[in-house]
Amino acid sequence: MMDRPGDYRWSSYKAKAHGTADAWPTPHPLYQRLGRTGAERRVA
């Protein structure tokens, strides 16, 4: 376990929570349906 999610090497936290560019992992189709843009999905 990590103290902060972003510290875990294989976490997608940075890409999902902060919108940082990350080629891994490929976004899940259900996640993509939360909004048209990354900003919309983060708000959802």
PDB file of N, CA and C in Angstrom:
ATOM      1  N   MET A   1       0.832  -1.180   0.000  1.00  0.00           N
ATOM      2  CA  MET A   1       0.000   0.000   0.000  1.00  0.00           C
ATOM      3  C   MET A   1       0.878   1.245   0.000  1.00  0.00           C
ATOM      4  N   MET A   2       0.357   2.254  -0.625  1.00  0.00           N
ATOM      5  CA  MET A   2       1.057   3.531  -0.699  1.00  0.00           C
ATOM      6  C   MET A   2       0.296   4.560   0.138  1.00  0.00           C
ATOM      7  N   ASP A   3       1.016   5.564   0.607  1.00  0.00           N
ATOM      8  CA  ASP A   3       0.369   6.645   1.348  1.00  0.00           C
ATOM      9  C   ASP A   3      -0.467   7.528   0.422  1.00  0.00           C
ATOM     10  N   ARG A   4      -0.005   7.672  -0.822  1.00  0.00           N
ATOM     11  CA  ARG A   4      -0.715   8.496  -1.806  1.00  0.00           C
ATOM     12  C   ARG A   4      -0.888   7.683  -3.080  1.00  0.00           C
ATOM     13  N   PRO A   5      -2.088   7.669  -3.682  1.00  0.00           N
ATOM     14  CA  PRO A   5      -2.330   6.865  -4.877  1.00  0.00           C
ATOM     15  C   PRO A   5      -1.356   7.173  -6.009  1.00  0.00           C
ATOM     16  N   GLY A   6      -0.983   8.419  -6.166  1.00  0.00           N
ATOM     17  CA  GLY A   6      -0.085   8.800  -7.247  1.00  0.00           C
ATOM     18  C   GLY A   6       1.324   8.260  -7.104  1.00  0.00           C
ATOM     19  N   ASP A   7       1.687   7.772  -5.920  1.00  0.00           N
ATOM     20  CA  ASP A   7       3.024   7.220  -5.700  1.00  0.00           C
ATOM     21  C   ASP A   7       3.170   5.802  -6.252  1.00  0.00           C
ATOM     22  N   TYR A   8       2.038   5.121  -6.451  1.00  0.00           N
ATOM     23  CA  TYR A   8       2.097   3.744  -6.947  1.00  0.00           C
ATOM     24  C   TYR A   8       2.412   3.770  -8.435  1.00  0.00           C
ATOM     25  N   ARG A   9       3.452   3.083  -8.819  1.00  0.00           N
ATOM     26  CA  ARG A   9       3.949   3.138 -10.192  1.00  0.00           C
ATOM     27  C   ARG A   9       2.885   2.800 -11.231  1.00  0.00           C
ATOM     28  N   TRP A  10       2.048   1.817 -10.946  1.00  0.00           N
ATOM     29  CA  TRP A  10       1.083   1.337 -11.942  1.00  0.00           C
ATOM     30  C   TRP A  10      -0.296   1.965 -11.775  1.00  0.00           C
ATOM     31  N   SER A  11      -0.399   3.010 -11.006  1.00  0.00           N
ATOM     32  CA  SER A  11      -1.686   3.664 -10.781  1.00  0.00           C
ATOM     33  C   SER A  11      -2.045   4.584 -11.950  1.00  0.00           C
ATOM     34  N   SER A  12      -3.307   4.614 -12.299  1.00  0.00           N
ATOM     35  CA  SER A  12      -3.782   5.561 -13.312  1.00  0.00           C
ATOM     36  C   SER A  12      -4.319   6.827 -12.643  1.00  0.00           C
ATOM     37  N   TYR A  13      -4.080   6.957 -11.350  1.00  0.00           N
ATOM     38  CA  TYR A  13      -4.602   8.088 -10.580  1.00  0.00           C
ATOM     39  C   TYR A  13      -4.236   9.436 -11.198  1.00  0.00           C
ATOM     40  N   LYS A  14      -2.977   9.624 -11.554  1.00  0.00           N
ATOM     41  CA  LYS A  14      -2.547  10.920 -12.085  1.00  0.00           C
ATOM     42  C   LYS A  14      -3.310  11.281 -13.356  1.00  0.00           C
ATOM     43  N   ALA A  15      -3.496  10.310 -14.223  1.00  0.00           N
ATOM     44  CA  ALA A  15      -4.200  10.576 -15.477  1.00  0.00           C
ATOM     45  C   ALA A  15      -5.679  10.840 -15.239  1.00  0.00           C
ATOM     46  N   LYS A  16      -6.291  10.076 -14.350  1.00  0.00           N
ATOM     47  CA  LYS A  16      -7.732  10.221 -14.114  1.00  0.00           C
ATOM     48  C   LYS A  16      -8.065  11.440 -13.253  1.00  0.00           C
ATOM     49  N   ALA A  17      -7.324  11.666 -12.200  1.00  0.00           N
ATOM     50  CA  ALA A  17      -7.649  12.742 -11.266  1.00  0.00           C
ATOM     51  C   ALA A  17      -7.113  14.104 -11.691  1.00  0.00           C
ATOM     52  N   HIS A  18      -5.970  14.111 -12.367  1.00  0.00           N
ATOM     53  CA  HIS A  18      -5.335  15.385 -12.698  1.00  0.00           C
ATOM     54  C   HIS A  18      -5.216  15.640 -14.194  1.00  0.00           C
ATOM     55  N   GLY A  19      -5.596  14.662 -14.993  1.00  0.00           N
ATOM     56  CA  GLY A  19      -5.573  14.858 -16.435  1.00  0.00           C
ATOM     57  C   GLY A  19      -4.196  14.890 -17.057  1.00  0.00           C
ATOM     58  N   THR A  20      -3.213  14.329 -16.381  1.00  0.00           N
ATOM     59  CA  THR A  20      -1.879  14.297 -16.967  1.00  0.00           C
ATOM     60  C   THR A  20      -1.858  13.305 -18.117  1.00  0.00           C
ATOM     61  N   ALA A  21      -1.063  13.595 -19.119  1.00  0.00           N
ATOM     62  CA  ALA A  21      -0.963  12.699 -20.267  1.00  0.00           C
ATOM     63  C   ALA A  21      -0.363  11.373 -19.827  1.00  0.00           C
ATOM     64  N   ASP A  22      -1.018  10.317 -20.217  1.00  0.00           N
ATOM     65  CA  ASP A  22      -0.557   8.988 -19.831  1.00  0.00           C
ATOM     66  C   ASP A  22      -1.020   8.000 -20.887  1.00  0.00           C
ATOM     67  N   ALA A  23      -0.089   7.351 -21.553  1.00  0.00           N
ATOM     68  CA  ALA A  23      -0.452   6.387 -22.590  1.00  0.00           C
ATOM     69  C   ALA A  23      -0.967   5.084 -21.992  1.00  0.00           C
ATOM     70  N   TRP A  24      -0.723   4.878 -20.729  1.00  0.00           N
ATOM     71  CA  TRP A  24      -1.170   3.661 -20.062  1.00  0.00           C
ATOM     72  C   TRP A  24      -2.036   4.046 -18.893  1.00  0.00           C
ATOM     73  N   PRO A  25      -3.083   3.427 -18.611  1.00  0.00           N
ATOM     74  CA  PRO A  25      -3.736   2.395 -19.406  1.00  0.00           C
ATOM     75  C   PRO A  25      -4.681   3.013 -20.430  1.00  0.00           C
ATOM     76  N   THR A  26      -5.153   2.181 -21.335  1.00  0.00           N
ATOM     77  CA  THR A  26      -6.162   2.623 -22.288  1.00  0.00           C
ATOM     78  C   THR A  26      -7.457   2.858 -21.516  1.00  0.00           C
ATOM     79  N   PRO A  27      -8.074   4.008 -21.662  1.00  0.00           N
ATOM     80  CA  PRO A  27      -9.300   4.286 -20.907  1.00  0.00           C
ATOM     81  C   PRO A  27     -10.403   3.269 -21.206  1.00  0.00           C
ATOM     82  N   HIS A  28     -11.095   2.850 -20.170  1.00  0.00           N
ATOM     83  CA  HIS A  28     -12.203   1.907 -20.303  1.00  0.00           C
ATOM     84  C   HIS A  28     -13.371   2.617 -20.992  1.00  0.00           C
ATOM     85  N   PRO A  29     -14.102   1.925 -21.862  1.00  0.00           N
ATOM     86  CA  PRO A  29     -15.230   2.552 -22.560  1.00  0.00           C
ATOM     87  C   PRO A  29     -16.259   3.186 -21.615  1.00  0.00           C
ATOM     88  N   LEU A  30     -16.525   2.563 -20.470  1.00  0.00           N
ATOM     89  CA  LEU A  30     -17.489   3.146 -19.531  1.00  0.00           C
ATOM     90  C   LEU A  30     -16.966   4.451 -18.939  1.00  0.00           C
ATOM     91  N   TYR A  31     -15.670   4.505 -18.690  1.00  0.00           N
ATOM     92  CA  TYR A  31     -15.072   5.747 -18.194  1.00  0.00           C
ATOM     93  C   TYR A  31     -15.206   6.843 -19.252  1.00  0.00           C
ATOM     94  N   GLN A  32     -14.974   6.497 -20.505  1.00  0.00           N
ATOM     95  CA  GLN A  32     -15.054   7.484 -21.577  1.00  0.00           C
ATOM     96  C   GLN A  32     -16.472   8.025 -21.742  1.00  0.00           C
ATOM     97  N   ARG A  33     -17.472   7.255 -21.379  1.00  0.00           N
ATOM     98  CA  ARG A  33     -18.863   7.704 -21.493  1.00  0.00           C
ATOM     99  C   ARG A  33     -19.243   8.752 -20.442  1.00  0.00           C
ATOM    100  N   LEU A  34     -18.392   8.967 -19.459  1.00  0.00           N
ATOM    101  CA  LEU A  34     -18.689   9.955 -18.419  1.00  0.00           C
ATOM    102  C   LEU A  34     -18.643  11.385 -18.944  1.00  0.00           C
ATOM    103  N   GLY A  35     -18.015  11.585 -20.093  1.00  0.00           N
ATOM    104  CA  GLY A  35     -17.939  12.925 -20.663  1.00  0.00           C
ATOM    105  C   GLY A  35     -17.197  12.910 -21.977  1.00  0.00           C
ATOM    106  N   ARG A  36     -17.350  13.990 -22.743  1.00  0.00           N
ATOM    107  CA  ARG A  36     -16.686  14.074 -24.046  1.00  0.00           C
ATOM    108  C   ARG A  36     -15.202  14.384 -23.929  1.00  0.00           C
ATOM    109  N   THR A  37     -14.818  15.047 -22.857  1.00  0.00           N
ATOM    110  CA  THR A  37     -13.417  15.423 -22.660  1.00  0.00           C
ATOM    111  C   THR A  37     -12.929  14.908 -21.311  1.00  0.00           C
ATOM    112  N   GLY A  38     -11.630  14.905 -21.139  1.00  0.00           N
ATOM    113  CA  GLY A  38     -11.066  14.501 -19.857  1.00  0.00           C
ATOM    114  C   GLY A  38     -11.560  15.375 -18.721  1.00  0.00           C
ATOM    115  N   ALA A  39     -11.704  16.668 -18.985  1.00  0.00           N
ATOM    116  CA  ALA A  39     -12.192  17.587 -17.951  1.00  0.00           C
ATOM    117  C   ALA A  39     -13.620  17.231 -17.540  1.00  0.00           C
ATOM    118  N   GLU A  40     -14.472  16.920 -18.501  1.00  0.00           N
ATOM    119  CA  GLU A  40     -15.851  16.526 -18.180  1.00  0.00           C
ATOM    120  C   GLU A  40     -15.885  15.228 -17.389  1.00  0.00           C
ATOM    121  N   ARG A  41     -15.026  14.281 -17.752  1.00  0.00           N
ATOM    122  CA  ARG A  41     -14.997  13.001 -17.036  1.00  0.00           C
ATOM    123  C   ARG A  41     -14.511  13.184 -15.604  1.00  0.00           C
ATOM    124  N   ARG A  42     -13.544  14.073 -15.385  1.00  0.00           N
ATOM    125  CA  ARG A  42     -13.044  14.302 -14.027  1.00  0.00           C
ATOM    126  C   ARG A  42     -14.115  14.928 -13.143  1.00  0.00           C
ATOM    127  N   VAL A  43     -14.937  15.791 -13.698  1.00  0.00           N
ATOM    128  CA  VAL A  43     -16.013  16.417 -12.932  1.00  0.00           C
ATOM    129  C   VAL A  43     -17.082  15.390 -12.574  1.00  0.00           C
ATOM    130  N   ALA A  44     -17.336  14.463 -13.494  1.00  0.00           N
ATOM    131  CA  ALA A  44     -18.361  13.436 -13.259  1.00  0.00           C
ATOM    132  C   ALA A  44     -17.950  12.582 -12.093  1.00  0.00           C
TER     133      ALA A  44
END
